[in-house]
Amino acid sequence: MTKTHAAPGTPQKLYLFQLSATTVPVAPGRTLEMILACYLIQTGDGKNILVDTGIAPDFPKPPNMPPARGESTVIDQLAKLDLTPADIHTVICTHFDVDHVGFNEHFPQAQFVVQREHFAIARDGHPRFAVARPHWDFPGARWNLIDGDTELFPGLSLLDTGPVLLAIDAVMMQSGFTADRKAWPTDDNEDQLRASTVRLLDIVEREKVAVVVFGHDGTQWQTLKRSPHFYA
């Protein structure tokens, strides 16, 4: 996200909303700090843009999942900034996993933005996104389906937002941000995953990105500015 004074519609503030934190056991004697998050971008002309909306309240937690700490919702986070759902103009959906679209229906007046290909896959009944379908495929939702890298507003791109890159679930953990990245069991295509990661690495170098925000890396998030603080 780049702050400029040339155009009123450019991003001015980026808020990171941490919705919860969990210490997850991954191996004997080894744990992983995981967070759930979403993001708010405010533009110079008073627009409020959400990136994802957090986990659905009706989503059952996996068996033996440790309790989360500091749980809140996107509605709670907005209220701390004296904002309500009615103040949100656009919701950018990075993808339709249940922990990213769980509160979409609370923003019926907003325009929703998502990749056209992803929308089609989900609408065709992909089981990964079916569990959250009532939250993203609700009656009256207004969709802006985009193709590839798209600059929605001056200075705001769905891929690279300037000095701050929101990797979100494209790279969930900082340890995975390497050119030889290996796929996780939930990843569908390792070659595509690696190509995407290499591309993001190239963007970081080419655009001199100062901060890369990894979508679920609880250890990294301890070092980031979290709402009510912001990047400008």
C-alpha atoms as a PDB file:
ATOM      1  CA  MET A   1       0.000   0.000   0.000  1.00  0.00           C
ATOM      2  CA  THR A   2       1.485   3.286  -1.080  1.00  0.00           C
ATOM      3  CA  LYS A   3       0.568   6.649   0.381  1.00  0.00           C
ATOM      4  CA  THR A   4       0.482   9.358  -2.269  1.00  0.00           C
ATOM      5  CA  HIS A   5      -0.996  12.835  -2.485  1.00  0.00           C
ATOM      6  CA  ALA A   6      -1.633  12.781  -6.229  1.00  0.00           C
ATOM      7  CA  ALA A   7      -5.040  11.117  -6.312  1.00  0.00           C
ATOM      8  CA  PRO A   8      -7.725  11.163  -3.611  1.00  0.00           C
ATOM      9  CA  GLY A   9      -8.653   7.521  -4.178  1.00  0.00           C
ATOM     10  CA  THR A  10      -5.238   6.107  -3.305  1.00  0.00           C
ATOM     11  CA  PRO A  11      -4.770   4.069  -0.121  1.00  0.00           C
ATOM     12  CA  GLN A  12      -3.830   6.114   2.915  1.00  0.00           C
ATOM     13  CA  LYS A  13      -4.006   3.631   5.812  1.00  0.00           C
ATOM     14  CA  LEU A  14      -3.703  -0.141   6.137  1.00  0.00           C
ATOM     15  CA  TYR A  15      -5.019  -1.776   9.319  1.00  0.00           C
ATOM     16  CA  LEU A  16      -4.149  -5.358  10.230  1.00  0.00           C
ATOM     17  CA  PHE A  17      -6.977  -7.006  12.178  1.00  0.00           C
ATOM     18  CA  GLN A  18      -5.783  -9.966  14.247  1.00  0.00           C
ATOM     19  CA  LEU A  19      -8.903 -12.016  15.022  1.00  0.00           C
ATOM     20  CA  SER A  20      -7.356 -14.787  17.112  1.00  0.00           C
ATOM     21  CA  ALA A  21      -4.125 -16.606  17.923  1.00  0.00           C
ATOM     22  CA  THR A  22      -3.565 -20.327  18.527  1.00  0.00           C
ATOM     23  CA  THR A  23      -0.571 -22.446  19.485  1.00  0.00           C
ATOM     24  CA  VAL A  24      -0.899 -25.545  17.315  1.00  0.00           C
ATOM     25  CA  PRO A  25       1.081 -28.756  17.988  1.00  0.00           C
ATOM     26  CA  VAL A  26       2.655 -29.996  14.749  1.00  0.00           C
ATOM     27  CA  ALA A  27       5.065 -32.644  16.053  1.00  0.00           C
ATOM     28  CA  PRO A  28       6.239 -34.016  19.399  1.00  0.00           C
ATOM     29  CA  GLY A  29       7.775 -31.090  21.236  1.00  0.00           C
ATOM     30  CA  ARG A  30       7.093 -28.688  18.353  1.00  0.00           C
ATOM     31  CA  THR A  31       4.362 -26.070  18.013  1.00  0.00           C
ATOM     32  CA  LEU A  32       3.359 -23.455  15.469  1.00  0.00           C
ATOM     33  CA  GLU A  33       1.930 -20.043  16.260  1.00  0.00           C
ATOM     34  CA  MET A  34      -1.057 -19.419  13.996  1.00  0.00           C
ATOM     35  CA  ILE A  35      -3.311 -16.379  13.675  1.00  0.00           C
ATOM     36  CA  LEU A  36      -6.518 -15.561  11.842  1.00  0.00           C
ATOM     37  CA  ALA A  37      -6.761 -12.134  10.290  1.00  0.00           C
ATOM     38  CA  CYS A  38      -8.361  -9.707   7.887  1.00  0.00           C
ATOM     39  CA  TYR A  39      -7.450  -6.224   6.716  1.00  0.00           C
ATOM     40  CA  LEU A  40      -8.877  -2.735   6.261  1.00  0.00           C
ATOM     41  CA  ILE A  41      -7.663  -0.201   3.718  1.00  0.00           C
ATOM     42  CA  GLN A  42      -8.797   3.418   3.896  1.00  0.00           C
ATOM     43  CA  THR A  43      -8.417   5.677   0.870  1.00  0.00           C
ATOM     44  CA  GLY A  44      -7.897   9.400   0.658  1.00  0.00           C
ATOM     45  CA  ASP A  45     -11.473  10.004  -0.485  1.00  0.00           C
ATOM     46  CA  GLY A  46     -13.022   8.230   2.495  1.00  0.00           C
ATOM     47  CA  LYS A  47     -13.562   4.737   1.088  1.00  0.00           C
ATOM     48  CA  ASN A  48     -13.232   1.725   3.403  1.00  0.00           C
ATOM     49  CA  ILE A  49     -12.085  -1.509   1.764  1.00  0.00           C
ATOM     50  CA  LEU A  50     -12.025  -4.813   3.611  1.00  0.00           C
ATOM     51  CA  VAL A  51      -9.744  -7.637   2.548  1.00  0.00           C
ATOM     52  CA  ASP A  52     -11.472 -10.814   3.772  1.00  0.00           C
ATOM     53  CA  THR A  53     -13.895 -10.958   6.707  1.00  0.00           C
ATOM     54  CA  GLY A  54     -12.602 -13.705   9.010  1.00  0.00           C
ATOM     55  CA  ILE A  55     -13.823 -17.074  10.192  1.00  0.00           C
ATOM     56  CA  ALA A  56     -17.478 -18.044  10.164  1.00  0.00           C
ATOM     57  CA  PRO A  57     -19.054 -18.201  13.630  1.00  0.00           C
ATOM     58  CA  ASP A  58     -20.779 -21.476  12.746  1.00  0.00           C
ATOM     59  CA  PHE A  59     -17.611 -23.233  11.608  1.00  0.00           C
ATOM     60  CA  PRO A  60     -16.915 -26.248  13.840  1.00  0.00           C
ATOM     61  CA  LYS A  61     -13.378 -26.337  15.173  1.00  0.00           C
ATOM     62  CA  PRO A  62     -11.313 -29.404  14.256  1.00  0.00           C
ATOM     63  CA  PRO A  63     -11.078 -32.090  16.951  1.00  0.00           C
ATOM     64  CA  ASN A  64      -8.307 -31.541  19.518  1.00  0.00           C
ATOM     65  CA  MET A  65      -7.764 -27.984  18.292  1.00  0.00           C
ATOM     66  CA  PRO A  66      -6.234 -25.932  21.133  1.00  0.00           C
ATOM     67  CA  PRO A  67      -8.331 -23.010  22.368  1.00  0.00           C
ATOM     68  CA  ALA A  68      -7.796 -19.699  20.600  1.00  0.00           C
ATOM     69  CA  ARG A  69      -6.621 -16.588  22.408  1.00  0.00           C
ATOM     70  CA  GLY A  70      -7.853 -13.040  21.970  1.00  0.00           C
ATOM     71  CA  GLU A  71     -10.796 -13.956  19.779  1.00  0.00           C
ATOM     72  CA  SER A  72     -12.689 -11.145  18.058  1.00  0.00           C
ATOM     73  CA  THR A  73     -14.610 -10.606  14.835  1.00  0.00           C
ATOM     74  CA  VAL A  74     -14.251  -8.167  11.987  1.00  0.00           C
ATOM     75  CA  ILE A  75     -17.314  -6.379  13.389  1.00  0.00           C
ATOM     76  CA  ASP A  76     -15.526  -5.960  16.739  1.00  0.00           C
ATOM     77  CA  GLN A  77     -12.392  -4.672  15.036  1.00  0.00           C
ATOM     78  CA  LEU A  78     -14.319  -2.144  12.960  1.00  0.00           C
ATOM     79  CA  ALA A  79     -16.157  -0.891  16.043  1.00  0.00           C
ATOM     80  CA  LYS A  80     -12.822  -0.096  17.708  1.00  0.00           C
ATOM     81  CA  LEU A  81     -12.239   2.313  14.803  1.00  0.00           C
ATOM     82  CA  ASP A  82     -15.773   3.758  15.140  1.00  0.00           C
ATOM     83  CA  LEU A  83     -16.877   1.988  11.958  1.00  0.00           C
ATOM     84  CA  THR A  84     -19.868  -0.244  11.212  1.00  0.00           C
ATOM     85  CA  PRO A  85     -20.540  -2.680   8.335  1.00  0.00           C
ATOM     86  CA  ALA A  86     -22.472   0.095   6.590  1.00  0.00           C
ATOM     87  CA  ASP A  87     -19.208   2.061   6.285  1.00  0.00           C
ATOM     88  CA  ILE A  88     -17.584  -0.608   4.097  1.00  0.00           C
ATOM     89  CA  HIS A  89     -17.691   0.128   0.357  1.00  0.00           C
ATOM     90  CA  THR A  90     -15.785  -2.890  -1.006  1.00  0.00           C
ATOM     91  CA  VAL A  91     -14.890  -6.370   0.255  1.00  0.00           C
ATOM     92  CA  ILE A  92     -11.992  -8.045  -1.535  1.00  0.00           C
ATOM     93  CA  CYS A  93     -12.232 -11.831  -1.216  1.00  0.00           C
ATOM     94  CA  THR A  94      -8.814 -13.400  -1.594  1.00  0.00           C
ATOM     95  CA  HIS A  95     -10.504 -16.829  -1.672  1.00  0.00           C
ATOM     96  CA  PHE A  96     -13.510 -18.634  -0.226  1.00  0.00           C
ATOM     97  CA  ASP A  97     -12.000 -20.628   2.630  1.00  0.00           C
ATOM     98  CA  VAL A  98     -14.266 -20.508   5.674  1.00  0.00           C
ATOM     99  CA  ASP A  99     -11.769 -18.474   7.715  1.00  0.00           C
ATOM    100  CA  HIS A 100     -11.743 -15.716   5.086  1.00  0.00           C
ATOM    101  CA  VAL A 101     -15.418 -15.197   4.176  1.00  0.00           C
ATOM    102  CA  GLY A 102     -17.226 -15.959   7.422  1.00  0.00           C
ATOM    103  CA  PHE A 103     -18.809 -12.521   7.810  1.00  0.00           C
ATOM    104  CA  ASN A 104     -19.413 -11.551   4.172  1.00  0.00           C
ATOM    105  CA  GLU A 105     -23.191 -11.494   4.594  1.00  0.00           C
ATOM    106  CA  HIS A 106     -22.841  -8.711   7.168  1.00  0.00           C
ATOM    107  CA  PHE A 107     -21.825  -6.347   4.341  1.00  0.00           C
ATOM    108  CA  PRO A 108     -24.768  -6.582   1.897  1.00  0.00           C
ATOM    109  CA  GLN A 109     -24.316  -3.005   0.687  1.00  0.00           C
ATOM    110  CA  ALA A 110     -20.683  -3.570  -0.319  1.00  0.00           C
ATOM    111  CA  GLN A 111     -19.324  -4.653  -3.674  1.00  0.00           C
ATOM    112  CA  PHE A 112     -17.481  -7.973  -3.484  1.00  0.00           C
ATOM    113  CA  VAL A 113     -14.365  -8.547  -5.565  1.00  0.00           C
ATOM    114  CA  VAL A 114     -12.883 -11.938  -6.404  1.00  0.00           C
ATOM    115  CA  GLN A 115     -11.009 -13.648  -9.201  1.00  0.00           C
ATOM    116  CA  ARG A 116     -13.400 -14.875 -11.899  1.00  0.00           C
ATOM    117  CA  GLU A 117     -11.753 -18.303 -12.139  1.00  0.00           C
ATOM    118  CA  HIS A 118     -11.944 -18.846  -8.377  1.00  0.00           C
ATOM    119  CA  PHE A 119     -15.596 -17.784  -8.336  1.00  0.00           C
ATOM    120  CA  ALA A 120     -16.434 -20.286 -11.077  1.00  0.00           C
ATOM    121  CA  ILE A 121     -14.625 -23.141  -9.330  1.00  0.00           C
ATOM    122  CA  ALA A 122     -16.418 -22.422  -6.064  1.00  0.00           C
ATOM    123  CA  ARG A 123     -19.819 -21.994  -7.729  1.00  0.00           C
ATOM    124  CA  ASP A 124     -19.348 -25.382  -9.420  1.00  0.00           C
ATOM    125  CA  GLY A 125     -19.328 -26.972  -5.973  1.00  0.00           C
ATOM    126  CA  HIS A 126     -15.659 -27.453  -5.060  1.00  0.00           C
ATOM    127  CA  PRO A 127     -15.863 -29.191  -1.644  1.00  0.00           C
ATOM    128  CA  ARG A 128     -13.183 -26.974  -0.107  1.00  0.00           C
ATOM    129  CA  PHE A 129     -15.392 -23.899  -0.483  1.00  0.00           C
ATOM    130  CA  ALA A 130     -18.807 -25.545  -0.073  1.00  0.00           C
ATOM    131  CA  VAL A 131     -18.779 -25.397   3.725  1.00  0.00           C
ATOM    132  CA  ALA A 132     -18.647 -21.592   3.636  1.00  0.00           C
ATOM    133  CA  ARG A 133     -21.036 -21.142   0.716  1.00  0.00           C
ATOM    134  CA  PRO A 134     -23.905 -19.632   2.762  1.00  0.00           C
ATOM    135  CA  HIS A 135     -21.519 -16.849   3.762  1.00  0.00           C
ATOM    136  CA  TRP A 136     -20.182 -15.912   0.318  1.00  0.00           C
ATOM    137  CA  ASP A 137     -23.061 -16.942  -1.963  1.00  0.00           C
ATOM    138  CA  PHE A 138     -25.853 -15.124  -0.174  1.00  0.00           C
ATOM    139  CA  PRO A 139     -28.830 -13.542  -2.013  1.00  0.00           C
ATOM    140  CA  GLY A 140     -28.211 -10.078  -3.422  1.00  0.00           C
ATOM    141  CA  ALA A 141     -24.424 -10.130  -3.234  1.00  0.00           C
ATOM    142  CA  ARG A 142     -22.942  -7.785  -5.851  1.00  0.00           C
ATOM    143  CA  TRP A 143     -19.839  -9.252  -7.485  1.00  0.00           C
ATOM    144  CA  ASN A 144     -17.027  -7.653  -9.447  1.00  0.00           C
ATOM    145  CA  LEU A 145     -15.259 -10.594 -11.075  1.00  0.00           C
ATOM    146  CA  ILE A 146     -11.728  -9.753 -12.137  1.00  0.00           C
ATOM    147  CA  ASP A 147      -9.157 -11.548 -14.272  1.00  0.00           C
ATOM    148  CA  GLY A 148      -5.560 -11.761 -13.133  1.00  0.00           C
ATOM    149  CA  ASP A 149      -3.674  -8.839 -11.631  1.00  0.00           C
ATOM    150  CA  THR A 150      -6.042  -5.903 -11.438  1.00  0.00           C
ATOM    151  CA  GLU A 151      -5.612  -2.411 -10.036  1.00  0.00           C
ATOM    152  CA  LEU A 152      -8.994  -1.648  -8.496  1.00  0.00           C
ATOM    153  CA  PHE A 153      -8.101   1.861  -7.375  1.00  0.00           C
ATOM    154  CA  PRO A 154      -5.112   4.121  -7.987  1.00  0.00           C
ATOM    155  CA  GLY A 155      -2.244   2.582  -6.090  1.00  0.00           C
ATOM    156  CA  LEU A 156      -4.227  -0.459  -4.908  1.00  0.00           C
ATOM    157  CA  SER A 157      -3.510  -3.764  -6.584  1.00  0.00           C
ATOM    158  CA  LEU A 158      -4.842  -7.180  -5.625  1.00  0.00           C
ATOM    159  CA  LEU A 159      -1.314  -8.551  -5.831  1.00  0.00           C
ATOM    160  CA  ASP A 160       1.097  -5.870  -4.755  1.00  0.00           C
ATOM    161  CA  THR A 161       0.108  -2.934  -2.618  1.00  0.00           C
ATOM    162  CA  GLY A 162       3.428  -1.114  -2.702  1.00  0.00           C
ATOM    163  CA  PRO A 163       5.844  -1.122   0.234  1.00  0.00           C
ATOM    164  CA  VAL A 164       3.527  -3.530   2.074  1.00  0.00           C
ATOM    165  CA  LEU A 165       2.688  -6.831   0.346  1.00  0.00           C
ATOM    166  CA  LEU A 166      -0.289  -8.761   1.716  1.00  0.00           C
ATOM    167  CA  ALA A 167       0.660 -12.353   0.944  1.00  0.00           C
ATOM    168  CA  ILE A 168      -2.305 -13.665   2.980  1.00  0.00           C
ATOM    169  CA  ASP A 169      -2.807 -17.348   2.054  1.00  0.00           C
ATOM    170  CA  ALA A 170      -0.632 -17.196  -1.047  1.00  0.00           C
ATOM    171  CA  VAL A 171       2.153 -17.597   1.523  1.00  0.00           C
ATOM    172  CA  MET A 172       0.692 -18.332   4.947  1.00  0.00           C
ATOM    173  CA  MET A 173       3.976 -18.650   6.859  1.00  0.00           C
ATOM    174  CA  GLN A 174       7.243 -16.773   6.489  1.00  0.00           C
ATOM    175  CA  SER A 175       9.162 -20.067   6.462  1.00  0.00           C
ATOM    176  CA  GLY A 176       7.440 -20.945   3.180  1.00  0.00           C
ATOM    177  CA  PHE A 177       8.585 -17.824   1.341  1.00  0.00           C
ATOM    178  CA  THR A 178      11.349 -19.535  -0.604  1.00  0.00           C
ATOM    179  CA  ALA A 179      11.891 -20.382  -4.264  1.00  0.00           C
ATOM    180  CA  ASP A 180      11.978 -24.143  -3.504  1.00  0.00           C
ATOM    181  CA  ARG A 181       8.779 -24.091  -1.442  1.00  0.00           C
ATOM    182  CA  LYS A 182       7.139 -27.466  -0.835  1.00  0.00           C
ATOM    183  CA  ALA A 183       3.387 -28.030  -1.028  1.00  0.00           C
ATOM    184  CA  TRP A 184       1.281 -28.752   2.050  1.00  0.00           C
ATOM    185  CA  PRO A 185      -1.338 -31.542   1.992  1.00  0.00           C
ATOM    186  CA  THR A 186      -4.052 -28.923   1.364  1.00  0.00           C
ATOM    187  CA  ASP A 187      -2.270 -27.498  -1.687  1.00  0.00           C
ATOM    188  CA  ASP A 188      -3.590 -28.688  -5.038  1.00  0.00           C
ATOM    189  CA  ASN A 189      -0.667 -27.981  -7.384  1.00  0.00           C
ATOM    190  CA  GLU A 190       2.943 -27.787  -6.203  1.00  0.00           C
ATOM    191  CA  ASP A 191       4.285 -26.434  -9.501  1.00  0.00           C
ATOM    192  CA  GLN A 192       1.727 -23.647  -9.522  1.00  0.00           C
ATOM    193  CA  LEU A 193       2.392 -22.960  -5.851  1.00  0.00           C
ATOM    194  CA  ARG A 194       6.121 -22.637  -6.435  1.00  0.00           C
ATOM    195  CA  ALA A 195       5.656 -20.422  -9.505  1.00  0.00           C
ATOM    196  CA  SER A 196       3.367 -18.105  -7.550  1.00  0.00           C
ATOM    197  CA  THR A 197       5.866 -17.892  -4.690  1.00  0.00           C
ATOM    198  CA  VAL A 198       8.750 -17.112  -7.044  1.00  0.00           C
ATOM    199  CA  ARG A 199       6.658 -14.381  -8.610  1.00  0.00           C
ATOM    200  CA  LEU A 200       5.972 -12.812  -5.234  1.00  0.00           C
ATOM    201  CA  LEU A 201       9.658 -12.988  -4.362  1.00  0.00           C
ATOM    202  CA  ASP A 202      10.394 -11.165  -7.609  1.00  0.00           C
ATOM    203  CA  ILE A 203       7.847  -8.468  -6.749  1.00  0.00           C
ATOM    204  CA  VAL A 204       9.417  -7.956  -3.330  1.00  0.00           C
ATOM    205  CA  GLU A 205      12.810  -7.410  -4.946  1.00  0.00           C
ATOM    206  CA  ARG A 206      11.594  -5.371  -7.918  1.00  0.00           C
ATOM    207  CA  GLU A 207       9.242  -3.083  -5.990  1.00  0.00           C
ATOM    208  CA  LYS A 208      11.502  -2.881  -2.922  1.00  0.00           C
ATOM    209  CA  VAL A 209       8.690  -4.070  -0.667  1.00  0.00           C
ATOM    210  CA  ALA A 210       9.408  -3.125   2.933  1.00  0.00           C
ATOM    211  CA  VAL A 211       7.009  -5.506   4.704  1.00  0.00           C
ATOM    212  CA  VAL A 212       5.484  -8.795   3.573  1.00  0.00           C
ATOM    213  CA  VAL A 213       2.492  -9.817   5.700  1.00  0.00           C
ATOM    214  CA  PHE A 214       2.058 -13.595   5.891  1.00  0.00           C
ATOM    215  CA  GLY A 215      -1.559 -14.577   6.432  1.00  0.00           C
ATOM    216  CA  HIS A 216      -1.346 -16.975   9.398  1.00  0.00           C
ATOM    217  CA  ASP A 217       2.150 -16.522  10.821  1.00  0.00           C
ATOM    218  CA  GLY A 218       1.567 -15.801  14.503  1.00  0.00           C
ATOM    219  CA  THR A 219       5.254 -15.330  15.205  1.00  0.00           C
ATOM    220  CA  GLN A 220       5.625 -12.697  12.489  1.00  0.00           C
ATOM    221  CA  TRP A 221       2.406 -10.927  13.491  1.00  0.00           C
ATOM    222  CA  GLN A 222       3.892 -10.240  16.919  1.00  0.00           C
ATOM    223  CA  THR A 223       6.318  -7.896  15.136  1.00  0.00           C
ATOM    224  CA  LEU A 224       3.731  -6.104  12.967  1.00  0.00           C
ATOM    225  CA  LYS A 225       1.610  -3.017  13.536  1.00  0.00           C
ATOM    226  CA  ARG A 226      -1.843  -4.263  14.450  1.00  0.00           C
ATOM    227  CA  SER A 227      -5.031  -2.249  14.643  1.00  0.00           C
ATOM    228  CA  PRO A 228      -5.625   0.383  15.980  1.00  0.00           C
ATOM    229  CA  HIS A 229      -2.102   1.128  14.718  1.00  0.00           C
ATOM    230  CA  PHE A 230      -1.730   1.239  10.944  1.00  0.00           C
ATOM    231  CA  TYR A 231       0.645   1.399   7.997  1.00  0.00           C
ATOM    232  CA  ALA A 232       0.481   4.598   5.967  1.00  0.00           C
END
